[in-house]
Amino acid sequence: MSVPISVRFDENVNKFLTHVVKEKNTTKTDFIRQAVMEKLEDLYDIEMADKSYKKWLEDDKKTFSHKEAMKRYG
């Protein structure tokens, strides 16, 4: 179920947004929705990467160069 949300932009941002959505043949609603989803996904990915890196450090994991990995594992 969709929930309406109001966003206010200054005149310059609104003009630029209007120009971009016309060029992309989309609506302001769809453009903003997609931009918000991309940002949320990026933030989630960063959070997961930070957690994984922290766990990797805590577990004292090691890394190997490609050359060394090929020597070890063929």
PDB file of N, CA and C in Angstrom:
ATOM      1  N   MET A   1       0.843  -1.180   0.000  1.00  0.00           N
ATOM      2  CA  MET A   1       0.000   0.000   0.000  1.00  0.00           C
ATOM      3  C   MET A   1       0.889   1.244   0.000  1.00  0.00           C
ATOM      4  N   SER A   2       0.616   2.146  -0.898  1.00  0.00           N
ATOM      5  CA  SER A   2       1.387   3.388  -0.989  1.00  0.00           C
ATOM      6  C   SER A   2       0.927   4.396   0.049  1.00  0.00           C
ATOM      7  N   VAL A   3       1.877   5.135   0.563  1.00  0.00           N
ATOM      8  CA  VAL A   3       1.598   6.189   1.536  1.00  0.00           C
ATOM      9  C   VAL A   3       2.076   7.505   0.936  1.00  0.00           C
ATOM     10  N   PRO A   4       1.207   8.507   0.871  1.00  0.00           N
ATOM     11  CA  PRO A   4       1.631   9.789   0.299  1.00  0.00           C
ATOM     12  C   PRO A   4       2.615  10.514   1.219  1.00  0.00           C
ATOM     13  N   ILE A   5       3.628  11.105   0.605  1.00  0.00           N
ATOM     14  CA  ILE A   5       4.624  11.891   1.326  1.00  0.00           C
ATOM     15  C   ILE A   5       4.820  13.186   0.555  1.00  0.00           C
ATOM     16  N   SER A   6       4.944  14.271   1.269  1.00  0.00           N
ATOM     17  CA  SER A   6       5.137  15.574   0.637  1.00  0.00           C
ATOM     18  C   SER A   6       6.597  15.990   0.738  1.00  0.00           C
ATOM     19  N   VAL A   7       7.133  16.500  -0.368  1.00  0.00           N
ATOM     20  CA  VAL A   7       8.508  16.989  -0.402  1.00  0.00           C
ATOM     21  C   VAL A   7       8.487  18.392  -0.976  1.00  0.00           C
ATOM     22  N   ARG A   8       9.213  19.304  -0.352  1.00  0.00           N
ATOM     23  CA  ARG A   8       9.281  20.677  -0.850  1.00  0.00           C
ATOM     24  C   ARG A   8      10.677  20.947  -1.399  1.00  0.00           C
ATOM     25  N   PHE A   9      10.713  21.511  -2.616  1.00  0.00           N
ATOM     26  CA  PHE A   9      11.963  21.902  -3.247  1.00  0.00           C
ATOM     27  C   PHE A   9      11.924  23.386  -3.532  1.00  0.00           C
ATOM     28  N   ASP A  10      13.102  24.018  -3.530  1.00  0.00           N
ATOM     29  CA  ASP A  10      13.115  25.417  -3.939  1.00  0.00           C
ATOM     30  C   ASP A  10      12.883  25.482  -5.455  1.00  0.00           C
ATOM     31  N   GLU A  11      12.653  26.670  -5.946  1.00  0.00           N
ATOM     32  CA  GLU A  11      12.268  26.854  -7.344  1.00  0.00           C
ATOM     33  C   GLU A  11      13.319  26.313  -8.315  1.00  0.00           C
ATOM     34  N   ASN A  12      14.590  26.538  -8.014  1.00  0.00           N
ATOM     35  CA  ASN A  12      15.656  26.065  -8.904  1.00  0.00           C
ATOM     36  C   ASN A  12      15.697  24.542  -8.990  1.00  0.00           C
ATOM     37  N   VAL A  13      15.566  23.881  -7.857  1.00  0.00           N
ATOM     38  CA  VAL A  13      15.571  22.417  -7.851  1.00  0.00           C
ATOM     39  C   VAL A  13      14.358  21.892  -8.612  1.00  0.00           C
ATOM     40  N   ASN A  14      13.213  22.501  -8.394  1.00  0.00           N
ATOM     41  CA  ASN A  14      11.999  22.071  -9.084  1.00  0.00           C
ATOM     42  C   ASN A  14      12.129  22.235 -10.599  1.00  0.00           C
ATOM     43  N   LYS A  15      12.706  23.349 -11.040  1.00  0.00           N
ATOM     44  CA  LYS A  15      12.901  23.564 -12.479  1.00  0.00           C
ATOM     45  C   LYS A  15      13.840  22.512 -13.053  1.00  0.00           C
ATOM     46  N   PHE A  16      14.919  22.246 -12.339  1.00  0.00           N
ATOM     47  CA  PHE A  16      15.878  21.252 -12.810  1.00  0.00           C
ATOM     48  C   PHE A  16      15.249  19.861 -12.841  1.00  0.00           C
ATOM     49  N   LEU A  17      14.495  19.527 -11.793  1.00  0.00           N
ATOM     50  CA  LEU A  17      13.805  18.241 -11.739  1.00  0.00           C
ATOM     51  C   LEU A  17      12.823  18.110 -12.900  1.00  0.00           C
ATOM     52  N   THR A  18      12.071  19.167 -13.162  1.00  0.00           N
ATOM     53  CA  THR A  18      11.119  19.163 -14.273  1.00  0.00           C
ATOM     54  C   THR A  18      11.837  18.909 -15.592  1.00  0.00           C
ATOM     55  N   HIS A  19      12.963  19.570 -15.779  1.00  0.00           N
ATOM     56  CA  HIS A  19      13.754  19.384 -17.002  1.00  0.00           C
ATOM     57  C   HIS A  19      14.234  17.935 -17.133  1.00  0.00           C
ATOM     58  N   VAL A  20      14.772  17.391 -16.049  1.00  0.00           N
ATOM     59  CA  VAL A  20      15.329  16.037 -16.084  1.00  0.00           C
ATOM     60  C   VAL A  20      14.246  14.999 -16.359  1.00  0.00           C
ATOM     61  N   VAL A  21      13.104  15.102 -15.688  1.00  0.00           N
ATOM     62  CA  VAL A  21      12.064  14.085 -15.893  1.00  0.00           C
ATOM     63  C   VAL A  21      11.499  14.135 -17.310  1.00  0.00           C
ATOM     64  N   LYS A  22      11.454  15.336 -17.894  1.00  0.00           N
ATOM     65  CA  LYS A  22      11.017  15.428 -19.292  1.00  0.00           C
ATOM     66  C   LYS A  22      12.020  14.731 -20.196  1.00  0.00           C
ATOM     67  N   GLU A  23      13.316  14.953 -19.952  1.00  0.00           N
ATOM     68  CA  GLU A  23      14.369  14.320 -20.750  1.00  0.00           C
ATOM     69  C   GLU A  23      14.352  12.797 -20.594  1.00  0.00           C
ATOM     70  N   LYS A  24      14.046  12.330 -19.404  1.00  0.00           N
ATOM     71  CA  LYS A  24      14.043  10.892 -19.113  1.00  0.00           C
ATOM     72  C   LYS A  24      12.689  10.246 -19.386  1.00  0.00           C
ATOM     73  N   ASN A  25      11.719  11.054 -19.805  1.00  0.00           N
ATOM     74  CA  ASN A  25      10.373  10.567 -20.109  1.00  0.00           C
ATOM     75  C   ASN A  25       9.769   9.789 -18.931  1.00  0.00           C
ATOM     76  N   THR A  26       9.807  10.424 -17.765  1.00  0.00           N
ATOM     77  CA  THR A  26       9.252   9.821 -16.563  1.00  0.00           C
ATOM     78  C   THR A  26       8.495  10.893 -15.789  1.00  0.00           C
ATOM     79  N   THR A  27       8.016  10.545 -14.616  1.00  0.00           N
ATOM     80  CA  THR A  27       7.306  11.511 -13.776  1.00  0.00           C
ATOM     81  C   THR A  27       8.189  11.896 -12.596  1.00  0.00           C
ATOM     82  N   LYS A  28       7.853  13.016 -11.977  1.00  0.00           N
ATOM     83  CA  LYS A  28       8.592  13.425 -10.784  1.00  0.00           C
ATOM     84  C   LYS A  28       8.457  12.363  -9.697  1.00  0.00           C
ATOM     85  N   THR A  29       7.261  11.831  -9.542  1.00  0.00           N
ATOM     86  CA  THR A  29       7.020  10.816  -8.520  1.00  0.00           C
ATOM     87  C   THR A  29       7.906   9.597  -8.738  1.00  0.00           C
ATOM     88  N   ASP A  30       7.918   9.083  -9.957  1.00  0.00           N
ATOM     89  CA  ASP A  30       8.730   7.898 -10.241  1.00  0.00           C
ATOM     90  C   ASP A  30      10.221   8.183 -10.097  1.00  0.00           C
ATOM     91  N   PHE A  31      10.648   9.353 -10.545  1.00  0.00           N
ATOM     92  CA  PHE A  31      12.062   9.719 -10.455  1.00  0.00           C
ATOM     93  C   PHE A  31      12.501   9.812  -8.995  1.00  0.00           C
ATOM     94  N   ILE A  32      11.709  10.491  -8.179  1.00  0.00           N
ATOM     95  CA  ILE A  32      12.038  10.651  -6.759  1.00  0.00           C
ATOM     96  C   ILE A  32      11.986   9.301  -6.050  1.00  0.00           C
ATOM     97  N   ARG A  33      10.978   8.482  -6.352  1.00  0.00           N
ATOM     98  CA  ARG A  33      10.862   7.159  -5.740  1.00  0.00           C
ATOM     99  C   ARG A  33      12.106   6.321  -6.053  1.00  0.00           C
ATOM    100  N   GLN A  34      12.520   6.324  -7.311  1.00  0.00           N
ATOM    101  CA  GLN A  34      13.694   5.552  -7.708  1.00  0.00           C
ATOM    102  C   GLN A  34      14.957   6.084  -7.019  1.00  0.00           C
ATOM    103  N   ALA A  35      15.095   7.400  -6.943  1.00  0.00           N
ATOM    104  CA  ALA A  35      16.271   7.995  -6.298  1.00  0.00           C
ATOM    105  C   ALA A  35      16.329   7.623  -4.814  1.00  0.00           C
ATOM    106  N   VAL A  36      15.190   7.647  -4.146  1.00  0.00           N
ATOM    107  CA  VAL A  36      15.144   7.299  -2.722  1.00  0.00           C
ATOM    108  C   VAL A  36      15.483   5.821  -2.535  1.00  0.00           C
ATOM    109  N   MET A  37      14.924   4.950  -3.382  1.00  0.00           N
ATOM    110  CA  MET A  37      15.216   3.519  -3.269  1.00  0.00           C
ATOM    111  C   MET A  37      16.700   3.234  -3.495  1.00  0.00           C
ATOM    112  N   GLU A  38      17.289   3.890  -4.489  1.00  0.00           N
ATOM    113  CA  GLU A  38      18.716   3.696  -4.744  1.00  0.00           C
ATOM    114  C   GLU A  38      19.551   4.140  -3.544  1.00  0.00           C
ATOM    115  N   LYS A  39      19.188   5.254  -2.942  1.00  0.00           N
ATOM    116  CA  LYS A  39      19.916   5.754  -1.770  1.00  0.00           C
ATOM    117  C   LYS A  39      19.775   4.790  -0.592  1.00  0.00           C
ATOM    118  N   LEU A  40      18.553   4.298  -0.354  1.00  0.00           N
ATOM    119  CA  LEU A  40      18.333   3.354   0.738  1.00  0.00           C
ATOM    120  C   LEU A  40      19.126   2.065   0.523  1.00  0.00           C
ATOM    121  N   GLU A  41      19.143   1.565  -0.712  1.00  0.00           N
ATOM    122  CA  GLU A  41      19.914   0.362  -1.021  1.00  0.00           C
ATOM    123  C   GLU A  41      21.407   0.600  -0.815  1.00  0.00           C
ATOM    124  N   ASP A  42      21.889   1.758  -1.228  1.00  0.00           N
ATOM    125  CA  ASP A  42      23.303   2.094  -1.029  1.00  0.00           C
ATOM    126  C   ASP A  42      23.655   2.141   0.456  1.00  0.00           C
ATOM    127  N   LEU A  43      22.792   2.773   1.249  1.00  0.00           N
ATOM    128  CA  LEU A  43      23.040   2.855   2.690  1.00  0.00           C
ATOM    129  C   LEU A  43      23.047   1.470   3.328  1.00  0.00           C
ATOM    130  N   TYR A  44      22.129   0.607   2.900  1.00  0.00           N
ATOM    131  CA  TYR A  44      22.078  -0.764   3.412  1.00  0.00           C
ATOM    132  C   TYR A  44      23.358  -1.514   3.040  1.00  0.00           C
ATOM    133  N   ASP A  45      23.775  -1.388   1.782  1.00  0.00           N
ATOM    134  CA  ASP A  45      24.995  -2.064   1.331  1.00  0.00           C
ATOM    135  C   ASP A  45      26.211  -1.602   2.135  1.00  0.00           C
ATOM    136  N   ILE A  46      26.303  -0.311   2.395  1.00  0.00           N
ATOM    137  CA  ILE A  46      27.418   0.228   3.182  1.00  0.00           C
ATOM    138  C   ILE A  46      27.383  -0.320   4.604  1.00  0.00           C
ATOM    139  N   GLU A  47      26.204  -0.365   5.193  1.00  0.00           N
ATOM    140  CA  GLU A  47      26.064  -0.885   6.552  1.00  0.00           C
ATOM    141  C   GLU A  47      26.492  -2.351   6.619  1.00  0.00           C
ATOM    142  N   MET A  48      26.053  -3.146   5.648  1.00  0.00           N
ATOM    143  CA  MET A  48      26.420  -4.564   5.627  1.00  0.00           C
ATOM    144  C   MET A  48      27.928  -4.742   5.404  1.00  0.00           C
ATOM    145  N   ALA A  49      28.499  -3.933   4.530  1.00  0.00           N
ATOM    146  CA  ALA A  49      29.945  -4.007   4.283  1.00  0.00           C
ATOM    147  C   ALA A  49      30.721  -3.635   5.541  1.00  0.00           C
ATOM    148  N   ASP A  50      30.281  -2.597   6.239  1.00  0.00           N
ATOM    149  CA  ASP A  50      30.949  -2.190   7.480  1.00  0.00           C
ATOM    150  C   ASP A  50      30.884  -3.294   8.529  1.00  0.00           C
ATOM    151  N   LYS A  51      29.717  -3.930   8.663  1.00  0.00           N
ATOM    152  CA  LYS A  51      29.568  -5.023   9.633  1.00  0.00           C
ATOM    153  C   LYS A  51      30.459  -6.207   9.260  1.00  0.00           C
ATOM    154  N   SER A  52      30.492  -6.538   7.972  1.00  0.00           N
ATOM    155  CA  SER A  52      31.325  -7.656   7.515  1.00  0.00           C
ATOM    156  C   SER A  52      32.800  -7.363   7.740  1.00  0.00           C
ATOM    157  N   TYR A  53      33.214  -6.145   7.448  1.00  0.00           N
ATOM    158  CA  TYR A  53      34.616  -5.768   7.638  1.00  0.00           C
ATOM    159  C   TYR A  53      34.990  -5.819   9.121  1.00  0.00           C
ATOM    160  N   LYS A  54      34.093  -5.335   9.976  1.00  0.00           N
ATOM    161  CA  LYS A  54      34.355  -5.360  11.412  1.00  0.00           C
ATOM    162  C   LYS A  54      34.508  -6.806  11.893  1.00  0.00           C
ATOM    163  N   LYS A  55      33.628  -7.684  11.431  1.00  0.00           N
ATOM    164  CA  LYS A  55      33.720  -9.093  11.816  1.00  0.00           C
ATOM    165  C   LYS A  55      35.008  -9.707  11.281  1.00  0.00           C
ATOM    166  N   TRP A  56      35.372  -9.358  10.061  1.00  0.00           N
ATOM    167  CA  TRP A  56      36.605  -9.860   9.452  1.00  0.00           C
ATOM    168  C   TRP A  56      37.811  -9.455  10.297  1.00  0.00           C
ATOM    169  N   LEU A  57      37.832  -8.191  10.752  1.00  0.00           N
ATOM    170  CA  LEU A  57      38.929  -7.718  11.603  1.00  0.00           C
ATOM    171  C   LEU A  57      38.943  -8.445  12.941  1.00  0.00           C
ATOM    172  N   GLU A  58      37.769  -8.624  13.532  1.00  0.00           N
ATOM    173  CA  GLU A  58      37.679  -9.299  14.827  1.00  0.00           C
ATOM    174  C   GLU A  58      38.140 -10.754  14.737  1.00  0.00           C
ATOM    175  N   ASP A  59      37.891 -11.388  13.599  1.00  0.00           N
ATOM    176  CA  ASP A  59      38.280 -12.791  13.400  1.00  0.00           C
ATOM    177  C   ASP A  59      39.726 -12.931  12.935  1.00  0.00           C
ATOM    178  N   ASP A  60      40.435 -11.795  12.807  1.00  0.00           N
ATOM    179  CA  ASP A  60      41.844 -11.773  12.408  1.00  0.00           C
ATOM    180  C   ASP A  60      42.081 -12.520  11.094  1.00  0.00           C
ATOM    181  N   LYS A  61      41.219 -12.271  10.126  1.00  0.00           N
ATOM    182  CA  LYS A  61      41.339 -12.911   8.810  1.00  0.00           C
ATOM    183  C   LYS A  61      42.508 -12.316   8.040  1.00  0.00           C
ATOM    184  N   LYS A  62      43.033 -13.084   7.127  1.00  0.00           N
ATOM    185  CA  LYS A  62      44.150 -12.652   6.302  1.00  0.00           C
ATOM    186  C   LYS A  62      43.715 -12.596   4.839  1.00  0.00           C
ATOM    187  N   THR A  63      44.416 -11.785   4.063  1.00  0.00           N
ATOM    188  CA  THR A  63      44.173 -11.733   2.623  1.00  0.00           C
ATOM    189  C   THR A  63      45.440 -12.169   1.895  1.00  0.00           C
ATOM    190  N   PHE A  64      45.258 -12.599   0.666  1.00  0.00           N
ATOM    191  CA  PHE A  64      46.371 -13.048  -0.159  1.00  0.00           C
ATOM    192  C   PHE A  64      46.256 -12.410  -1.529  1.00  0.00           C
ATOM    193  N   SER A  65      47.396 -12.155  -2.145  1.00  0.00           N
ATOM    194  CA  SER A  65      47.397 -11.647  -3.516  1.00  0.00           C
ATOM    195  C   SER A  65      46.879 -12.744  -4.443  1.00  0.00           C
ATOM    196  N   HIS A  66      46.492 -12.355  -5.638  1.00  0.00           N
ATOM    197  CA  HIS A  66      46.026 -13.332  -6.621  1.00  0.00           C
ATOM    198  C   HIS A  66      47.124 -14.358  -6.903  1.00  0.00           C
ATOM    199  N   LYS A  67      48.345 -13.875  -7.048  1.00  0.00           N
ATOM    200  CA  LYS A  67      49.485 -14.755  -7.338  1.00  0.00           C
ATOM    201  C   LYS A  67      49.672 -15.785  -6.219  1.00  0.00           C
ATOM    202  N   GLU A  68      49.609 -15.327  -4.974  1.00  0.00           N
ATOM    203  CA  GLU A  68      49.785 -16.236  -3.839  1.00  0.00           C
ATOM    204  C   GLU A  68      48.632 -17.233  -3.740  1.00  0.00           C
ATOM    205  N   ALA A  69      47.423 -16.783  -3.992  1.00  0.00           N
ATOM    206  CA  ALA A  69      46.271 -17.683  -3.957  1.00  0.00           C
ATOM    207  C   ALA A  69      46.404 -18.761  -5.032  1.00  0.00           C
ATOM    208  N   MET A  70      46.897 -18.387  -6.205  1.00  0.00           N
ATOM    209  CA  MET A  70      47.084 -19.367  -7.282  1.00  0.00           C
ATOM    210  C   MET A  70      48.153 -20.397  -6.900  1.00  0.00           C
ATOM    211  N   LYS A  71      49.204 -19.953  -6.206  1.00  0.00           N
ATOM    212  CA  LYS A  71      50.234 -20.890  -5.736  1.00  0.00           C
ATOM    213  C   LYS A  71      49.637 -21.888  -4.749  1.00  0.00           C
ATOM    214  N   ARG A  72      48.839 -21.363  -3.828  1.00  0.00           N
ATOM    215  CA  ARG A  72      48.272 -22.200  -2.773  1.00  0.00           C
ATOM    216  C   ARG A  72      47.203 -23.156  -3.285  1.00  0.00           C
ATOM    217  N   TYR A  73      46.318 -22.630  -4.148  1.00  0.00           N
ATOM    218  CA  TYR A  73      45.117 -23.394  -4.500  1.00  0.00           C
ATOM    219  C   TYR A  73      45.035 -23.780  -5.976  1.00  0.00           C
ATOM    220  N   GLY A  74      46.033 -23.376  -6.736  1.00  0.00           N
ATOM    221  CA  GLY A  74      46.075 -23.757  -8.142  1.00  0.00           C
ATOM    222  C   GLY A  74      45.074 -23.066  -8.937  1.00  0.00           C
TER     223      GLY A  74
END
